[in-house]
């Protein structure tokens, strides 16, 4: 699929979810409260604007980058590690908790490859 068309479709998906979440018609995690769901949907929208999957949060994408960076020989201290370190001030192991290995297929700019879970 053409990357520009995919980007436009992803932005349309993410944009449509914002008002739906505000009116309670869309929830990212059904067990979460109203404000948290709206915040996560906005997070997914920002990730989409950055070329990511509209179903993935920035934290999940950074966690994948961190796992990839730390799997390099020697380990790299890149953007994923820096963002996860910043988010750790607000919640311990935030990126590890947010990691969703099975999302990211619609990303215009592909996620960092993740090594198998058994490594």
PDB file of N, CA and C in Angstrom:
ATOM      1  N   UNK A   1       0.852  -1.184   0.000  1.00  0.00           N
ATOM      2  CA  UNK A   1       0.000   0.000   0.000  1.00  0.00           C
ATOM      3  C   UNK A   1       0.895   1.243   0.000  1.00  0.00           C
ATOM      4  N   UNK A   2       0.461   2.235  -0.699  1.00  0.00           N
ATOM      5  CA  UNK A   2       1.200   3.481  -0.757  1.00  0.00           C
ATOM      6  C   UNK A   2       1.335   4.074   0.651  1.00  0.00           C
ATOM      7  N   UNK A   3       2.533   4.475   1.031  1.00  0.00           N
ATOM      8  CA  UNK A   3       2.778   4.969   2.395  1.00  0.00           C
ATOM      9  C   UNK A   3       2.004   6.241   2.709  1.00  0.00           C
ATOM     10  N   UNK A   4       1.822   7.119   1.722  1.00  0.00           N
ATOM     11  CA  UNK A   4       1.062   8.347   1.960  1.00  0.00           C
ATOM     12  C   UNK A   4      -0.399   8.013   2.228  1.00  0.00           C
ATOM     13  N   UNK A   5      -0.961   7.106   1.449  1.00  0.00           N
ATOM     14  CA  UNK A   5      -2.346   6.689   1.649  1.00  0.00           C
ATOM     15  C   UNK A   5      -2.511   6.005   3.008  1.00  0.00           C
ATOM     16  N   UNK A   6      -1.567   5.151   3.366  1.00  0.00           N
ATOM     17  CA  UNK A   6      -1.620   4.496   4.675  1.00  0.00           C
ATOM     18  C   UNK A   6      -1.558   5.522   5.796  1.00  0.00           C
ATOM     19  N   UNK A   7      -0.697   6.518   5.658  1.00  0.00           N
ATOM     20  CA  UNK A   7      -0.590   7.568   6.678  1.00  0.00           C
ATOM     21  C   UNK A   7      -1.905   8.330   6.817  1.00  0.00           C
ATOM     22  N   UNK A   8      -2.516   8.698   5.697  1.00  0.00           N
ATOM     23  CA  UNK A   8      -3.781   9.429   5.733  1.00  0.00           C
ATOM     24  C   UNK A   8      -4.870   8.580   6.383  1.00  0.00           C
ATOM     25  N   UNK A   9      -4.926   7.300   6.045  1.00  0.00           N
ATOM     26  CA  UNK A   9      -5.925   6.410   6.650  1.00  0.00           C
ATOM     27  C   UNK A   9      -5.699   6.273   8.155  1.00  0.00           C
ATOM     28  N   UNK A  10      -4.431   6.122   8.564  1.00  0.00           N
ATOM     29  CA  UNK A  10      -4.122   5.993   9.988  1.00  0.00           C
ATOM     30  C   UNK A  10      -4.527   7.251  10.760  1.00  0.00           C
ATOM     31  N   UNK A  11      -4.224   8.424  10.196  1.00  0.00           N
ATOM     32  CA  UNK A  11      -4.597   9.679  10.855  1.00  0.00           C
ATOM     33  C   UNK A  11      -6.120   9.793  10.934  1.00  0.00           C
ATOM     34  N   UNK A  12      -6.822   9.361   9.903  1.00  0.00           N
ATOM     35  CA  UNK A  12      -8.288   9.393   9.925  1.00  0.00           C
ATOM     36  C   UNK A  12      -8.841   8.476  11.019  1.00  0.00           C
ATOM     37  N   UNK A  13      -8.261   7.291  11.156  1.00  0.00           N
ATOM     38  CA  UNK A  13      -8.696   6.356  12.199  1.00  0.00           C
ATOM     39  C   UNK A  13      -8.478   6.973  13.574  1.00  0.00           C
ATOM     40  N   UNK A  14      -7.283   7.493  13.808  1.00  0.00           N
ATOM     41  CA  UNK A  14      -6.951   8.055  15.119  1.00  0.00           C
ATOM     42  C   UNK A  14      -7.776   9.299  15.416  1.00  0.00           C
ATOM     43  N   UNK A  15      -8.019  10.127  14.403  1.00  0.00           N
ATOM     44  CA  UNK A  15      -8.808  11.343  14.596  1.00  0.00           C
ATOM     45  C   UNK A  15     -10.260  11.006  14.931  1.00  0.00           C
ATOM     46  N   UNK A  16     -10.799   9.999  14.289  1.00  0.00           N
ATOM     47  CA  UNK A  16     -12.188   9.604  14.550  1.00  0.00           C
ATOM     48  C   UNK A  16     -12.369   9.068  15.963  1.00  0.00           C
ATOM     49  N   UNK A  17     -11.327   8.516  16.544  1.00  0.00           N
ATOM     50  CA  UNK A  17     -11.444   7.942  17.888  1.00  0.00           C
ATOM     51  C   UNK A  17     -11.478   8.999  18.993  1.00  0.00           C
ATOM     52  N   UNK A  18     -10.932  10.182  18.723  1.00  0.00           N
ATOM     53  CA  UNK A  18     -10.888  11.209  19.770  1.00  0.00           C
ATOM     54  C   UNK A  18     -12.288  11.639  20.194  1.00  0.00           C
ATOM     55  N   UNK A  19     -13.173  12.096  19.286  1.00  0.00           N
ATOM     56  CA  UNK A  19     -14.515  12.467  19.752  1.00  0.00           C
ATOM     57  C   UNK A  19     -15.312  11.269  20.268  1.00  0.00           C
ATOM     58  N   UNK A  20     -15.093  10.094  19.668  1.00  0.00           N
ATOM     59  CA  UNK A  20     -15.790   8.898  20.157  1.00  0.00           C
ATOM     60  C   UNK A  20     -15.416   8.620  21.607  1.00  0.00           C
ATOM     61  N   UNK A  21     -14.127   8.768  21.936  1.00  0.00           N
ATOM     62  CA  UNK A  21     -13.704   8.508  23.310  1.00  0.00           C
ATOM     63  C   UNK A  21     -14.272   9.544  24.271  1.00  0.00           C
ATOM     64  N   UNK A  22     -14.406  10.780  23.807  1.00  0.00           N
ATOM     65  CA  UNK A  22     -14.941  11.842  24.668  1.00  0.00           C
ATOM     66  C   UNK A  22     -16.413  11.624  25.001  1.00  0.00           C
ATOM     67  N   UNK A  23     -17.131  10.975  24.091  1.00  0.00           N
ATOM     68  CA  UNK A  23     -18.546  10.693  24.330  1.00  0.00           C
ATOM     69  C   UNK A  23     -18.782   9.273  24.825  1.00  0.00           C
ATOM     70  N   UNK A  24     -17.712   8.557  25.159  1.00  0.00           N
ATOM     71  CA  UNK A  24     -17.830   7.215  25.722  1.00  0.00           C
ATOM     72  C   UNK A  24     -18.188   6.146  24.715  1.00  0.00           C
ATOM     73  N   UNK A  25     -18.024   6.431  23.429  1.00  0.00           N
ATOM     74  CA  UNK A  25     -18.366   5.459  22.388  1.00  0.00           C
ATOM     75  C   UNK A  25     -17.174   4.588  21.994  1.00  0.00           C
ATOM     76  N   UNK A  26     -15.979   4.934  22.451  1.00  0.00           N
ATOM     77  CA  UNK A  26     -14.781   4.145  22.174  1.00  0.00           C
ATOM     78  C   UNK A  26     -13.911   4.136  23.416  1.00  0.00           C
ATOM     79  N   UNK A  27     -13.472   2.961  23.810  1.00  0.00           N
ATOM     80  CA  UNK A  27     -12.548   2.845  24.940  1.00  0.00           C
ATOM     81  C   UNK A  27     -11.357   2.001  24.509  1.00  0.00           C
ATOM     82  N   UNK A  28     -10.174   2.452  24.847  1.00  0.00           N
ATOM     83  CA  UNK A  28      -8.956   1.727  24.513  1.00  0.00           C
ATOM     84  C   UNK A  28      -8.830   0.506  25.415  1.00  0.00           C
ATOM     85  N   UNK A  29      -8.981   0.711  26.717  1.00  0.00           N
ATOM     86  CA  UNK A  29      -9.027  -0.375  27.703  1.00  0.00           C
ATOM     87  C   UNK A  29     -10.354  -0.249  28.435  1.00  0.00           C
ATOM     88  N   UNK A  30     -11.274  -1.189  28.253  1.00  0.00           N
ATOM     89  CA  UNK A  30     -12.609  -1.054  28.848  1.00  0.00           C
ATOM     90  C   UNK A  30     -12.615  -0.876  30.366  1.00  0.00           C
ATOM     91  N   UNK A  31     -11.645  -1.388  31.091  1.00  0.00           N
ATOM     92  CA  UNK A  31     -11.632  -1.281  32.539  1.00  0.00           C
ATOM     93  C   UNK A  31     -11.156   0.060  33.073  1.00  0.00           C
ATOM     94  N   UNK A  32     -10.565   0.884  32.220  1.00  0.00           N
ATOM     95  CA  UNK A  32     -10.034   2.168  32.658  1.00  0.00           C
ATOM     96  C   UNK A  32     -11.134   3.215  32.740  1.00  0.00           C
ATOM     97  N   UNK A  33     -10.858   4.261  33.472  1.00  0.00           N
ATOM     98  CA  UNK A  33     -11.811   5.347  33.628  1.00  0.00           C
ATOM     99  C   UNK A  33     -11.858   6.251  32.406  1.00  0.00           C
ATOM    100  N   UNK A  34     -12.780   7.184  32.444  1.00  0.00           N
ATOM    101  CA  UNK A  34     -13.025   8.087  31.323  1.00  0.00           C
ATOM    102  C   UNK A  34     -11.788   8.895  30.945  1.00  0.00           C
ATOM    103  N   UNK A  35     -11.192   9.579  31.908  1.00  0.00           N
ATOM    104  CA  UNK A  35     -10.065  10.463  31.608  1.00  0.00           C
ATOM    105  C   UNK A  35      -8.836   9.690  31.128  1.00  0.00           C
ATOM    106  N   UNK A  36      -8.606   8.533  31.693  1.00  0.00           N
ATOM    107  CA  UNK A  36      -7.468   7.722  31.252  1.00  0.00           C
ATOM    108  C   UNK A  36      -7.675   7.245  29.819  1.00  0.00           C
ATOM    109  N   UNK A  37      -8.888   6.828  29.481  1.00  0.00           N
ATOM    110  CA  UNK A  37      -9.157   6.407  28.104  1.00  0.00           C
ATOM    111  C   UNK A  37      -8.977   7.540  27.115  1.00  0.00           C
ATOM    112  N   UNK A  38      -9.460   8.736  27.457  1.00  0.00           N
ATOM    113  CA  UNK A  38      -9.292   9.887  26.564  1.00  0.00           C
ATOM    114  C   UNK A  38      -7.805  10.203  26.405  1.00  0.00           C
ATOM    115  N   UNK A  39      -7.041  10.125  27.487  1.00  0.00           N
ATOM    116  CA  UNK A  39      -5.599  10.397  27.426  1.00  0.00           C
ATOM    117  C   UNK A  39      -4.878   9.362  26.557  1.00  0.00           C
ATOM    118  N   UNK A  40      -5.241   8.097  26.682  1.00  0.00           N
ATOM    119  CA  UNK A  40      -4.596   7.052  25.890  1.00  0.00           C
ATOM    120  C   UNK A  40      -4.954   7.195  24.412  1.00  0.00           C
ATOM    121  N   UNK A  41      -6.197   7.546  24.117  1.00  0.00           N
ATOM    122  CA  UNK A  41      -6.590   7.760  22.720  1.00  0.00           C
ATOM    123  C   UNK A  41      -5.819   8.934  22.128  1.00  0.00           C
ATOM    124  N   UNK A  42      -5.622   9.993  22.907  1.00  0.00           N
ATOM    125  CA  UNK A  42      -4.821  11.121  22.436  1.00  0.00           C
ATOM    126  C   UNK A  42      -3.363  10.695  22.236  1.00  0.00           C
ATOM    127  N   UNK A  43      -2.860   9.837  23.115  1.00  0.00           N
ATOM    128  CA  UNK A  43      -1.504   9.296  22.988  1.00  0.00           C
ATOM    129  C   UNK A  43      -1.370   8.507  21.684  1.00  0.00           C
ATOM    130  N   UNK A  44      -2.353   7.680  21.376  1.00  0.00           N
ATOM    131  CA  UNK A  44      -2.341   6.924  20.118  1.00  0.00           C
ATOM    132  C   UNK A  44      -2.397   7.857  18.916  1.00  0.00           C
ATOM    133  N   UNK A  45      -3.155   8.950  19.041  1.00  0.00           N
ATOM    134  CA  UNK A  45      -3.237   9.946  17.963  1.00  0.00           C
ATOM    135  C   UNK A  45      -1.861  10.571  17.721  1.00  0.00           C
ATOM    136  N   UNK A  46      -1.158  10.929  18.782  1.00  0.00           N
ATOM    137  CA  UNK A  46       0.184  11.519  18.643  1.00  0.00           C
ATOM    138  C   UNK A  46       1.154  10.521  18.025  1.00  0.00           C
ATOM    139  N   UNK A  47       1.047   9.248  18.411  1.00  0.00           N
ATOM    140  CA  UNK A  47       1.884   8.208  17.828  1.00  0.00           C
ATOM    141  C   UNK A  47       1.591   8.076  16.333  1.00  0.00           C
ATOM    142  N   UNK A  48       0.327   8.192  15.961  1.00  0.00           N
ATOM    143  CA  UNK A  48      -0.048   8.109  14.551  1.00  0.00           C
ATOM    144  C   UNK A  48       0.533   9.269  13.761  1.00  0.00           C
ATOM    145  N   UNK A  49       0.491  10.462  14.327  1.00  0.00           N
ATOM    146  CA  UNK A  49       1.079  11.621  13.644  1.00  0.00           C
ATOM    147  C   UNK A  49       2.581  11.432  13.428  1.00  0.00           C
ATOM    148  N   UNK A  50       3.225  10.676  14.315  1.00  0.00           N
ATOM    149  CA  UNK A  50       4.659  10.412  14.201  1.00  0.00           C
ATOM    150  C   UNK A  50       4.952   9.222  13.283  1.00  0.00           C
ATOM    151  N   UNK A  51       3.913   8.715  12.593  1.00  0.00           N
ATOM    152  CA  UNK A  51       4.117   7.622  11.654  1.00  0.00           C
ATOM    153  C   UNK A  51       3.886   6.244  12.233  1.00  0.00           C
ATOM    154  N   UNK A  52       3.289   6.175  13.411  1.00  0.00           N
ATOM    155  CA  UNK A  52       3.060   4.887  14.048  1.00  0.00           C
ATOM    156  C   UNK A  52       1.683   4.316  13.775  1.00  0.00           C
ATOM    157  N   UNK A  53       1.422   3.179  14.385  1.00  0.00           N
ATOM    158  CA  UNK A  53       0.146   2.480  14.277  1.00  0.00           C
ATOM    159  C   UNK A  53      -0.895   3.196  15.127  1.00  0.00           C
ATOM    160  N   UNK A  54      -2.121   3.417  14.619  1.00  0.00           N
ATOM    161  CA  UNK A  54      -3.136   4.101  15.424  1.00  0.00           C
ATOM    162  C   UNK A  54      -3.642   3.289  16.614  1.00  0.00           C
ATOM    163  N   UNK A  55      -3.277   2.019  16.689  1.00  0.00           N
ATOM    164  CA  UNK A  55      -3.680   1.167  17.807  1.00  0.00           C
ATOM    165  C   UNK A  55      -2.594   1.025  18.863  1.00  0.00           C
ATOM    166  N   UNK A  56      -1.513   1.783  18.741  1.00  0.00           N
ATOM    167  CA  UNK A  56      -0.364   1.632  19.635  1.00  0.00           C
ATOM    168  C   UNK A  56      -0.027   2.957  20.302  1.00  0.00           C
ATOM    169  N   UNK A  57       0.351   2.897  21.562  1.00  0.00           N
ATOM    170  CA  UNK A  57       0.741   4.104  22.285  1.00  0.00           C
ATOM    171  C   UNK A  57       2.220   4.409  22.038  1.00  0.00           C
ATOM    172  N   UNK A  58       2.594   5.622  22.349  1.00  0.00           N
ATOM    173  CA  UNK A  58       3.993   6.025  22.223  1.00  0.00           C
ATOM    174  C   UNK A  58       4.861   5.192  23.168  1.00  0.00           C
ATOM    175  N   UNK A  59       4.340   4.893  24.339  1.00  0.00           N
ATOM    176  CA  UNK A  59       5.108   4.107  25.319  1.00  0.00           C
ATOM    177  C   UNK A  59       5.432   2.720  24.791  1.00  0.00           C
ATOM    178  N   UNK A  60       4.475   2.082  24.129  1.00  0.00           N
ATOM    179  CA  UNK A  60       4.709   0.760  23.568  1.00  0.00           C
ATOM    180  C   UNK A  60       5.766   0.826  22.474  1.00  0.00           C
ATOM    181  N   UNK A  61       5.684   1.841  21.659  1.00  0.00           N
ATOM    182  CA  UNK A  61       6.654   1.999  20.580  1.00  0.00           C
ATOM    183  C   UNK A  61       8.059   2.264  21.133  1.00  0.00           C
ATOM    184  N   UNK A  62       8.142   3.067  22.189  1.00  0.00           N
ATOM    185  CA  UNK A  62       9.444   3.326  22.831  1.00  0.00           C
ATOM    186  C   UNK A  62       9.987   2.076  23.510  1.00  0.00           C
ATOM    187  N   UNK A  63       9.101   1.266  24.067  1.00  0.00           N
ATOM    188  CA  UNK A  63       9.537   0.018  24.702  1.00  0.00           C
ATOM    189  C   UNK A  63      10.150  -0.920  23.668  1.00  0.00           C
ATOM    190  N   UNK A  64       9.541  -0.988  22.482  1.00  0.00           N
ATOM    191  CA  UNK A  64      10.112  -1.818  21.414  1.00  0.00           C
ATOM    192  C   UNK A  64      11.483  -1.295  21.012  1.00  0.00           C
ATOM    193  N   UNK A  65      11.600   0.021  20.907  1.00  0.00           N
ATOM    194  CA  UNK A  65      12.894   0.615  20.553  1.00  0.00           C
ATOM    195  C   UNK A  65      13.928   0.331  21.635  1.00  0.00           C
ATOM    196  N   UNK A  66      13.506   0.405  22.900  1.00  0.00           N
ATOM    197  CA  UNK A  66      14.430   0.139  24.008  1.00  0.00           C
ATOM    198  C   UNK A  66      14.911  -1.309  23.980  1.00  0.00           C
ATOM    199  N   UNK A  67      14.003  -2.241  23.764  1.00  0.00           N
ATOM    200  CA  UNK A  67      14.383  -3.653  23.702  1.00  0.00           C
ATOM    201  C   UNK A  67      15.373  -3.875  22.559  1.00  0.00           C
ATOM    202  N   UNK A  68      15.098  -3.254  21.415  1.00  0.00           N
ATOM    203  CA  UNK A  68      16.006  -3.386  20.272  1.00  0.00           C
ATOM    204  C   UNK A  68      17.372  -2.779  20.581  1.00  0.00           C
ATOM    205  N   UNK A  69      17.380  -1.587  21.164  1.00  0.00           N
ATOM    206  CA  UNK A  69      18.646  -0.914  21.468  1.00  0.00           C
ATOM    207  C   UNK A  69      19.477  -1.703  22.465  1.00  0.00           C
ATOM    208  N   UNK A  70      18.841  -2.288  23.449  1.00  0.00           N
ATOM    209  CA  UNK A  70      19.574  -3.048  24.462  1.00  0.00           C
ATOM    210  C   UNK A  70      20.016  -4.415  23.955  1.00  0.00           C
ATOM    211  N   UNK A  71      19.426  -4.882  22.847  1.00  0.00           N
ATOM    212  CA  UNK A  71      19.834  -6.175  22.290  1.00  0.00           C
ATOM    213  C   UNK A  71      21.067  -6.040  21.387  1.00  0.00           C
ATOM    214  N   UNK A  72      21.448  -4.809  21.061  1.00  0.00           N
ATOM    215  CA  UNK A  72      22.617  -4.579  20.208  1.00  0.00           C
ATOM    216  C   UNK A  72      23.893  -4.858  20.988  1.00  0.00           C
ATOM    217  N   UNK A  73      24.938  -5.218  20.258  1.00  0.00           N
ATOM    218  CA  UNK A  73      26.234  -5.472  20.872  1.00  0.00           C
ATOM    219  C   UNK A  73      27.210  -4.426  20.391  1.00  0.00           C
ATOM    220  N   UNK A  74      27.708  -3.520  21.193  1.00  0.00           N
ATOM    221  CA  UNK A  74      27.344  -3.192  22.566  1.00  0.00           C
ATOM    222  C   UNK A  74      25.986  -2.486  22.610  1.00  0.00           C
ATOM    223  N   UNK A  75      25.337  -2.502  23.783  1.00  0.00           N
ATOM    224  CA  UNK A  75      24.026  -1.849  23.903  1.00  0.00           C
ATOM    225  C   UNK A  75      24.091  -0.371  23.532  1.00  0.00           C
ATOM    226  N   UNK A  76      23.028   0.108  22.938  1.00  0.00           N
ATOM    227  CA  UNK A  76      22.944   1.493  22.469  1.00  0.00           C
ATOM    228  C   UNK A  76      22.025   2.255  23.414  1.00  0.00           C
ATOM    229  N   UNK A  77      22.367   3.498  23.702  1.00  0.00           N
ATOM    230  CA  UNK A  77      21.520   4.358  24.538  1.00  0.00           C
ATOM    231  C   UNK A  77      20.840   5.333  23.598  1.00  0.00           C
ATOM    232  N   UNK A  78      19.744   4.903  22.962  1.00  0.00           N
ATOM    233  CA  UNK A  78      19.078   5.715  21.958  1.00  0.00           C
ATOM    234  C   UNK A  78      17.802   6.347  22.473  1.00  0.00           C
ATOM    235  N   UNK A  79      16.957   6.760  21.539  1.00  0.00           N
ATOM    236  CA  UNK A  79      15.722   7.461  21.871  1.00  0.00           C
ATOM    237  C   UNK A  79      14.747   6.639  22.693  1.00  0.00           C
ATOM    238  N   UNK A  80      14.648   5.349  22.418  1.00  0.00           N
ATOM    239  CA  UNK A  80      13.748   4.495  23.193  1.00  0.00           C
ATOM    240  C   UNK A  80      14.161   4.421  24.653  1.00  0.00           C
ATOM    241  N   UNK A  81      15.448   4.260  24.900  1.00  0.00           N
ATOM    242  CA  UNK A  81      15.955   4.200  26.276  1.00  0.00           C
ATOM    243  C   UNK A  81      15.740   5.530  26.996  1.00  0.00           C
ATOM    244  N   UNK A  82      15.985   6.606  26.291  1.00  0.00           N
ATOM    245  CA  UNK A  82      15.820   7.931  26.912  1.00  0.00           C
ATOM    246  C   UNK A  82      14.367   8.206  27.272  1.00  0.00           C
ATOM    247  N   UNK A  83      13.456   7.895  26.363  1.00  0.00           N
ATOM    248  CA  UNK A  83      12.042   8.131  26.641  1.00  0.00           C
ATOM    249  C   UNK A  83      11.550   7.237  27.772  1.00  0.00           C
ATOM    250  N   UNK A  84      11.966   5.974  27.782  1.00  0.00           N
ATOM    251  CA  UNK A  84      11.550   5.064  28.851  1.00  0.00           C
ATOM    252  C   UNK A  84      12.129   5.492  30.198  1.00  0.00           C
ATOM    253  N   UNK A  85      13.346   6.020  30.200  1.00  0.00           N
ATOM    254  CA  UNK A  85      13.928   6.529  31.439  1.00  0.00           C
ATOM    255  C   UNK A  85      13.154   7.736  31.947  1.00  0.00           C
ATOM    256  N   UNK A  86      12.732   8.609  31.027  1.00  0.00           N
ATOM    257  CA  UNK A  86      11.927   9.764  31.406  1.00  0.00           C
ATOM    258  C   UNK A  86      10.587   9.323  31.981  1.00  0.00           C
ATOM    259  N   UNK A  87       9.922   8.372  31.332  1.00  0.00           N
ATOM    260  CA  UNK A  87       8.611   7.913  31.795  1.00  0.00           C
ATOM    261  C   UNK A  87       8.695   7.151  33.116  1.00  0.00           C
ATOM    262  N   UNK A  88       9.877   6.614  33.430  1.00  0.00           N
ATOM    263  CA  UNK A  88      10.053   5.884  34.692  1.00  0.00           C
ATOM    264  C   UNK A  88       9.939   6.814  35.898  1.00  0.00           C
ATOM    265  N   UNK A  89      10.112   8.115  35.695  1.00  0.00           N
ATOM    266  CA  UNK A  89       9.913   9.063  36.795  1.00  0.00           C
ATOM    267  C   UNK A  89       8.455   9.091  37.235  1.00  0.00           C
ATOM    268  N   UNK A  90       7.545   8.833  36.315  1.00  0.00           N
ATOM    269  CA  UNK A  90       6.115   8.909  36.610  1.00  0.00           C
ATOM    270  C   UNK A  90       5.525   7.564  37.028  1.00  0.00           C
ATOM    271  N   UNK A  91       6.039   6.478  36.462  1.00  0.00           N
ATOM    272  CA  UNK A  91       5.595   5.134  36.810  1.00  0.00           C
ATOM    273  C   UNK A  91       6.759   4.179  36.605  1.00  0.00           C
ATOM    274  N   UNK A  92       7.063   3.404  37.617  1.00  0.00           N
ATOM    275  CA  UNK A  92       8.165   2.465  37.520  1.00  0.00           C
ATOM    276  C   UNK A  92       7.872   1.422  36.439  1.00  0.00           C
ATOM    277  N   UNK A  93       8.853   1.166  35.575  1.00  0.00           N
ATOM    278  CA  UNK A  93       8.736   0.201  34.478  1.00  0.00           C
ATOM    279  C   UNK A  93       7.556   0.502  33.553  1.00  0.00           C
ATOM    280  N   UNK A  94       7.294   1.784  33.308  1.00  0.00           N
ATOM    281  CA  UNK A  94       6.145   2.164  32.495  1.00  0.00           C
ATOM    282  C   UNK A  94       6.199   1.538  31.097  1.00  0.00           C
ATOM    283  N   UNK A  95       7.335   1.618  30.450  1.00  0.00           N
ATOM    284  CA  UNK A  95       7.439   1.090  29.085  1.00  0.00           C
ATOM    285  C   UNK A  95       7.283  -0.427  29.053  1.00  0.00           C
ATOM    286  N   UNK A  96       7.845  -1.108  30.019  1.00  0.00           N
ATOM    287  CA  UNK A  96       7.708  -2.563  30.062  1.00  0.00           C
ATOM    288  C   UNK A  96       6.246  -2.971  30.246  1.00  0.00           C
ATOM    289  N   UNK A  97       5.512  -2.192  31.033  1.00  0.00           N
ATOM    290  CA  UNK A  97       4.091  -2.479  31.239  1.00  0.00           C
ATOM    291  C   UNK A  97       3.264  -2.133  30.006  1.00  0.00           C
ATOM    292  N   UNK A  98       3.707  -1.163  29.227  1.00  0.00           N
ATOM    293  CA  UNK A  98       2.958  -0.706  28.058  1.00  0.00           C
ATOM    294  C   UNK A  98       3.293  -1.481  26.784  1.00  0.00           C
ATOM    295  N   UNK A  99       4.326  -2.300  26.817  1.00  0.00           N
ATOM    296  CA  UNK A  99       4.776  -3.012  25.622  1.00  0.00           C
ATOM    297  C   UNK A  99       3.693  -3.925  25.074  1.00  0.00           C
ATOM    298  N   UNK A 100       3.358  -3.720  23.813  1.00  0.00           N
ATOM    299  CA  UNK A 100       2.397  -4.568  23.101  1.00  0.00           C
ATOM    300  C   UNK A 100       3.106  -5.116  21.874  1.00  0.00           C
ATOM    301  N   UNK A 101       3.600  -6.325  21.974  1.00  0.00           N
ATOM    302  CA  UNK A 101       4.401  -6.906  20.897  1.00  0.00           C
ATOM    303  C   UNK A 101       3.604  -7.148  19.618  1.00  0.00           C
ATOM    304  N   UNK A 102       2.310  -7.356  19.724  1.00  0.00           N
ATOM    305  CA  UNK A 102       1.511  -7.741  18.564  1.00  0.00           C
ATOM    306  C   UNK A 102       0.865  -6.575  17.840  1.00  0.00           C
ATOM    307  N   UNK A 103       1.157  -5.339  18.219  1.00  0.00           N
ATOM    308  CA  UNK A 103       0.612  -4.190  17.506  1.00  0.00           C
ATOM    309  C   UNK A 103       1.739  -3.474  16.782  1.00  0.00           C
ATOM    310  N   UNK A 104       1.354  -2.682  15.823  1.00  0.00           N
ATOM    311  CA  UNK A 104       2.342  -1.914  15.082  1.00  0.00           C
ATOM    312  C   UNK A 104       2.415  -2.271  13.614  1.00  0.00           C
ATOM    313  N   UNK A 105       1.553  -3.155  13.143  1.00  0.00           N
ATOM    314  CA  UNK A 105       1.610  -3.585  11.744  1.00  0.00           C
ATOM    315  C   UNK A 105       1.213  -2.473  10.779  1.00  0.00           C
ATOM    316  N   UNK A 106       0.380  -1.521  11.206  1.00  0.00           N
ATOM    317  CA  UNK A 106      -0.067  -0.435  10.328  1.00  0.00           C
ATOM    318  C   UNK A 106       0.865   0.771  10.364  1.00  0.00           C
ATOM    319  N   UNK A 107       1.973   0.669  11.038  1.00  0.00           N
ATOM    320  CA  UNK A 107       2.882   1.813  11.158  1.00  0.00           C
ATOM    321  C   UNK A 107       3.471   2.179   9.801  1.00  0.00           C
ATOM    322  N   UNK A 108       3.479   3.470   9.491  1.00  0.00           N
ATOM    323  CA  UNK A 108       4.092   3.965   8.256  1.00  0.00           C
ATOM    324  C   UNK A 108       5.602   3.887   8.398  1.00  0.00           C
ATOM    325  N   UNK A 109       6.103   4.291   9.556  1.00  0.00           N
ATOM    326  CA  UNK A 109       7.517   4.142   9.888  1.00  0.00           C
ATOM    327  C   UNK A 109       7.602   2.918  10.793  1.00  0.00           C
ATOM    328  N   UNK A 110       8.139   1.804  10.322  1.00  0.00           N
ATOM    329  CA  UNK A 110       8.095   0.556  11.090  1.00  0.00           C
ATOM    330  C   UNK A 110       8.754   0.683  12.467  1.00  0.00           C
ATOM    331  N   UNK A 111       8.207  -0.067  13.413  1.00  0.00           N
ATOM    332  CA  UNK A 111       8.781  -0.131  14.750  1.00  0.00           C
ATOM    333  C   UNK A 111      10.128  -0.832  14.678  1.00  0.00           C
ATOM    334  N   UNK A 112      10.912  -0.625  15.729  1.00  0.00           N
ATOM    335  CA  UNK A 112      12.183  -1.353  15.833  1.00  0.00           C
ATOM    336  C   UNK A 112      11.863  -2.843  15.954  1.00  0.00           C
ATOM    337  N   UNK A 113      12.627  -3.692  15.287  1.00  0.00           N
ATOM    338  CA  UNK A 113      12.356  -5.125  15.414  1.00  0.00           C
ATOM    339  C   UNK A 113      12.597  -5.578  16.847  1.00  0.00           C
ATOM    340  N   UNK A 114      11.684  -6.399  17.352  1.00  0.00           N
ATOM    341  CA  UNK A 114      11.836  -6.908  18.714  1.00  0.00           C
ATOM    342  C   UNK A 114      12.375  -8.323  18.659  1.00  0.00           C
ATOM    343  N   UNK A 115      13.356  -8.646  19.495  1.00  0.00           N
ATOM    344  CA  UNK A 115      13.849 -10.011  19.538  1.00  0.00           C
ATOM    345  C   UNK A 115      12.786 -10.917  20.130  1.00  0.00           C
ATOM    346  N   UNK A 116      12.860 -12.211  19.898  1.00  0.00           N
ATOM    347  CA  UNK A 116      11.889 -13.127  20.471  1.00  0.00           C
ATOM    348  C   UNK A 116      11.799 -12.987  21.993  1.00  0.00           C
ATOM    349  N   UNK A 117      10.642 -13.312  22.550  1.00  0.00           N
ATOM    350  CA  UNK A 117      10.395 -13.141  23.982  1.00  0.00           C
ATOM    351  C   UNK A 117      11.316 -13.981  24.853  1.00  0.00           C
ATOM    352  N   UNK A 118      11.863 -15.084  24.344  1.00  0.00           N
ATOM    353  CA  UNK A 118      12.684 -15.963  25.180  1.00  0.00           C
ATOM    354  C   UNK A 118      14.117 -15.496  25.308  1.00  0.00           C
ATOM    355  N   UNK A 119      14.480 -14.364  24.721  1.00  0.00           N
ATOM    356  CA  UNK A 119      15.861 -13.873  24.860  1.00  0.00           C
ATOM    357  C   UNK A 119      15.995 -13.014  26.082  1.00  0.00           C
TER     358      UNK A 119
END
